[in-house]
């Protein structure tokens, strides 16, 4: 079982604003901060962290790494995607069913300004 994940960002203040908007539709808020170093988001405890790495390069599109977060329903997936675009992220897969994974798999994929690939998923009933 995974307890928490963290990703690197080049600008902590910009990333804080981006992730506050992105994670709100999933019911996650800022729960912990180590000023100038890291910020933890979650529902009850910080299980998603952003960590400052000034010198890092943008994450390569073909790195293969992505993080998937569970959404309550399709509306939350849609809101996650819209919030990411509004906050300066890029779409890496619009909201919709991904039946190649599962008949009820409904997800959206985004890239944050540093190139990190984040997904939101729910399992929607019906077709």
C-alpha atoms as a PDB file:
ATOM      1  CA  UNK A   1       0.000   0.000   0.000  1.00  0.00           C
ATOM      2  CA  UNK A   2       1.311   3.446  -0.874  1.00  0.00           C
ATOM      3  CA  UNK A   3       1.177   6.003   1.929  1.00  0.00           C
ATOM      4  CA  UNK A   4       2.128   9.124  -0.031  1.00  0.00           C
ATOM      5  CA  UNK A   5       3.755  10.353  -3.228  1.00  0.00           C
ATOM      6  CA  UNK A   6       5.776  13.433  -4.017  1.00  0.00           C
ATOM      7  CA  UNK A   7       6.714  15.219  -7.194  1.00  0.00           C
ATOM      8  CA  UNK A   8       9.353  17.807  -7.945  1.00  0.00           C
ATOM      9  CA  UNK A   9       8.510  21.339  -9.047  1.00  0.00           C
ATOM     10  CA  UNK A  10      10.763  24.219 -10.087  1.00  0.00           C
ATOM     11  CA  UNK A  11       8.719  27.062  -8.546  1.00  0.00           C
ATOM     12  CA  UNK A  12       6.976  26.219  -5.285  1.00  0.00           C
ATOM     13  CA  UNK A  13       4.690  29.294  -5.217  1.00  0.00           C
ATOM     14  CA  UNK A  14       3.457  28.744  -8.779  1.00  0.00           C
ATOM     15  CA  UNK A  15       3.011  25.037  -8.132  1.00  0.00           C
ATOM     16  CA  UNK A  16       1.124  25.755  -4.905  1.00  0.00           C
ATOM     17  CA  UNK A  17      -1.462  27.838  -6.776  1.00  0.00           C
ATOM     18  CA  UNK A  18      -1.681  25.261  -9.582  1.00  0.00           C
ATOM     19  CA  UNK A  19      -2.174  22.292  -7.272  1.00  0.00           C
ATOM     20  CA  UNK A  20      -4.605  24.075  -4.954  1.00  0.00           C
ATOM     21  CA  UNK A  21      -6.879  24.585  -7.982  1.00  0.00           C
ATOM     22  CA  UNK A  22      -6.251  21.140  -9.468  1.00  0.00           C
ATOM     23  CA  UNK A  23      -6.794  19.152  -6.276  1.00  0.00           C
ATOM     24  CA  UNK A  24      -9.851  21.014  -4.936  1.00  0.00           C
ATOM     25  CA  UNK A  25     -12.316  19.118  -7.193  1.00  0.00           C
ATOM     26  CA  UNK A  26     -10.895  15.891  -5.745  1.00  0.00           C
ATOM     27  CA  UNK A  27     -11.557  17.064  -2.167  1.00  0.00           C
ATOM     28  CA  UNK A  28      -7.883  17.625  -1.383  1.00  0.00           C
ATOM     29  CA  UNK A  29      -6.532  20.734   0.362  1.00  0.00           C
ATOM     30  CA  UNK A  30      -3.192  22.008   1.593  1.00  0.00           C
ATOM     31  CA  UNK A  31      -2.557  20.351   4.963  1.00  0.00           C
ATOM     32  CA  UNK A  32       1.146  20.876   5.614  1.00  0.00           C
ATOM     33  CA  UNK A  33       3.903  23.189   4.508  1.00  0.00           C
ATOM     34  CA  UNK A  34       7.627  23.276   5.012  1.00  0.00           C
ATOM     35  CA  UNK A  35       8.297  26.866   3.906  1.00  0.00           C
ATOM     36  CA  UNK A  36      10.524  27.059   0.874  1.00  0.00           C
ATOM     37  CA  UNK A  37      10.772  23.275   0.621  1.00  0.00           C
ATOM     38  CA  UNK A  38       7.530  21.291   0.315  1.00  0.00           C
ATOM     39  CA  UNK A  39       3.730  21.391   0.521  1.00  0.00           C
ATOM     40  CA  UNK A  40       1.484  18.438   1.356  1.00  0.00           C
ATOM     41  CA  UNK A  41      -2.115  18.060   0.168  1.00  0.00           C
ATOM     42  CA  UNK A  42      -4.723  15.526   1.122  1.00  0.00           C
ATOM     43  CA  UNK A  43      -8.137  14.873   2.608  1.00  0.00           C
ATOM     44  CA  UNK A  44      -7.201  13.793   6.141  1.00  0.00           C
ATOM     45  CA  UNK A  45      -3.402  13.787   6.007  1.00  0.00           C
ATOM     46  CA  UNK A  46      -0.889  14.924   3.377  1.00  0.00           C
ATOM     47  CA  UNK A  47      -0.576  12.065   0.912  1.00  0.00           C
ATOM     48  CA  UNK A  48       0.355  14.153  -2.150  1.00  0.00           C
ATOM     49  CA  UNK A  49       3.440  16.372  -1.878  1.00  0.00           C
ATOM     50  CA  UNK A  50       5.133  18.912  -4.108  1.00  0.00           C
ATOM     51  CA  UNK A  51       8.837  19.431  -3.416  1.00  0.00           C
ATOM     52  CA  UNK A  52      10.961  22.337  -4.588  1.00  0.00           C
ATOM     53  CA  UNK A  53      13.824  21.412  -6.919  1.00  0.00           C
ATOM     54  CA  UNK A  54      15.201  24.664  -8.382  1.00  0.00           C
ATOM     55  CA  UNK A  55      17.715  23.059 -10.713  1.00  0.00           C
ATOM     56  CA  UNK A  56      15.577  20.337 -12.253  1.00  0.00           C
ATOM     57  CA  UNK A  57      14.780  20.239 -15.946  1.00  0.00           C
ATOM     58  CA  UNK A  58      11.217  19.969 -17.184  1.00  0.00           C
ATOM     59  CA  UNK A  59      10.014  16.359 -16.915  1.00  0.00           C
ATOM     60  CA  UNK A  60      10.326  14.662 -20.307  1.00  0.00           C
ATOM     61  CA  UNK A  61       7.023  13.756 -21.955  1.00  0.00           C
ATOM     62  CA  UNK A  62       8.281  10.219 -22.482  1.00  0.00           C
ATOM     63  CA  UNK A  63       9.431   9.637 -18.887  1.00  0.00           C
ATOM     64  CA  UNK A  64       6.632   7.120 -18.391  1.00  0.00           C
ATOM     65  CA  UNK A  65       5.892   8.377 -14.881  1.00  0.00           C
ATOM     66  CA  UNK A  66       2.427   9.502 -13.909  1.00  0.00           C
ATOM     67  CA  UNK A  67       0.353   9.723 -10.764  1.00  0.00           C
ATOM     68  CA  UNK A  68      -3.315   8.787 -10.704  1.00  0.00           C
ATOM     69  CA  UNK A  69      -5.678  10.245  -8.102  1.00  0.00           C
ATOM     70  CA  UNK A  70      -9.158   8.890  -7.373  1.00  0.00           C
ATOM     71  CA  UNK A  71     -12.132  11.158  -8.043  1.00  0.00           C
ATOM     72  CA  UNK A  72     -15.591  10.783  -6.499  1.00  0.00           C
ATOM     73  CA  UNK A  73     -17.429  10.938  -9.830  1.00  0.00           C
ATOM     74  CA  UNK A  74     -17.200  12.036 -13.474  1.00  0.00           C
ATOM     75  CA  UNK A  75     -18.024  15.649 -12.565  1.00  0.00           C
ATOM     76  CA  UNK A  76     -14.941  15.735 -10.324  1.00  0.00           C
ATOM     77  CA  UNK A  77     -12.781  14.340 -13.153  1.00  0.00           C
ATOM     78  CA  UNK A  78     -14.156  16.988 -15.507  1.00  0.00           C
ATOM     79  CA  UNK A  79     -13.543  19.747 -12.918  1.00  0.00           C
ATOM     80  CA  UNK A  80      -9.992  18.472 -12.280  1.00  0.00           C
ATOM     81  CA  UNK A  81      -9.193  18.729 -16.001  1.00  0.00           C
ATOM     82  CA  UNK A  82     -10.797  22.161 -16.390  1.00  0.00           C
ATOM     83  CA  UNK A  83      -9.010  23.500 -13.298  1.00  0.00           C
ATOM     84  CA  UNK A  84      -5.662  22.277 -14.608  1.00  0.00           C
ATOM     85  CA  UNK A  85      -6.155  24.027 -17.937  1.00  0.00           C
ATOM     86  CA  UNK A  86      -7.356  27.219 -16.252  1.00  0.00           C
ATOM     87  CA  UNK A  87      -4.329  27.210 -13.925  1.00  0.00           C
ATOM     88  CA  UNK A  88      -1.745  26.844 -16.705  1.00  0.00           C
ATOM     89  CA  UNK A  89      -1.490  23.094 -17.194  1.00  0.00           C
ATOM     90  CA  UNK A  90      -1.870  21.216 -20.462  1.00  0.00           C
ATOM     91  CA  UNK A  91      -4.266  18.448 -21.406  1.00  0.00           C
ATOM     92  CA  UNK A  92      -2.682  15.047 -21.910  1.00  0.00           C
ATOM     93  CA  UNK A  93      -6.030  13.339 -22.415  1.00  0.00           C
ATOM     94  CA  UNK A  94      -9.465  14.957 -22.164  1.00  0.00           C
ATOM     95  CA  UNK A  95     -12.047  13.570 -19.738  1.00  0.00           C
ATOM     96  CA  UNK A  96     -13.740  10.442 -21.001  1.00  0.00           C
ATOM     97  CA  UNK A  97     -14.098   6.689 -20.796  1.00  0.00           C
ATOM     98  CA  UNK A  98     -11.021   4.559 -21.330  1.00  0.00           C
ATOM     99  CA  UNK A  99     -12.638   1.198 -22.074  1.00  0.00           C
ATOM    100  CA  UNK A 100      -9.287  -0.325 -23.018  1.00  0.00           C
ATOM    101  CA  UNK A 101      -8.566  -0.270 -19.249  1.00  0.00           C
ATOM    102  CA  UNK A 102     -12.062  -1.123 -17.970  1.00  0.00           C
ATOM    103  CA  UNK A 103     -15.624  -0.563 -19.197  1.00  0.00           C
ATOM    104  CA  UNK A 104     -16.291   1.965 -16.420  1.00  0.00           C
ATOM    105  CA  UNK A 105     -12.879   3.692 -16.370  1.00  0.00           C
ATOM    106  CA  UNK A 106     -13.468   7.454 -16.695  1.00  0.00           C
ATOM    107  CA  UNK A 107     -10.341   9.596 -16.532  1.00  0.00           C
ATOM    108  CA  UNK A 108      -8.534  12.754 -17.559  1.00  0.00           C
ATOM    109  CA  UNK A 109      -4.801  13.346 -17.876  1.00  0.00           C
ATOM    110  CA  UNK A 110      -2.915  16.617 -17.502  1.00  0.00           C
ATOM    111  CA  UNK A 111       0.660  17.889 -17.501  1.00  0.00           C
ATOM    112  CA  UNK A 112       1.571  20.440 -14.873  1.00  0.00           C
ATOM    113  CA  UNK A 113       3.838  23.383 -15.822  1.00  0.00           C
ATOM    114  CA  UNK A 114       6.880  21.236 -14.933  1.00  0.00           C
ATOM    115  CA  UNK A 115       5.786  18.343 -17.149  1.00  0.00           C
ATOM    116  CA  UNK A 116       4.527  16.024 -14.395  1.00  0.00           C
ATOM    117  CA  UNK A 117       1.695  13.810 -15.664  1.00  0.00           C
ATOM    118  CA  UNK A 118      -1.277  13.631 -13.306  1.00  0.00           C
ATOM    119  CA  UNK A 119      -4.471  11.639 -13.872  1.00  0.00           C
ATOM    120  CA  UNK A 120      -7.853  11.691 -12.152  1.00  0.00           C
ATOM    121  CA  UNK A 121     -10.043   8.592 -12.412  1.00  0.00           C
ATOM    122  CA  UNK A 122     -13.412   7.325 -11.308  1.00  0.00           C
ATOM    123  CA  UNK A 123     -15.348   4.211 -12.221  1.00  0.00           C
ATOM    124  CA  UNK A 124     -18.578   5.433 -13.833  1.00  0.00           C
ATOM    125  CA  UNK A 125     -21.570   3.143 -14.059  1.00  0.00           C
ATOM    126  CA  UNK A 126     -23.486   2.733 -17.301  1.00  0.00           C
ATOM    127  CA  UNK A 127     -22.417   3.548 -20.817  1.00  0.00           C
END
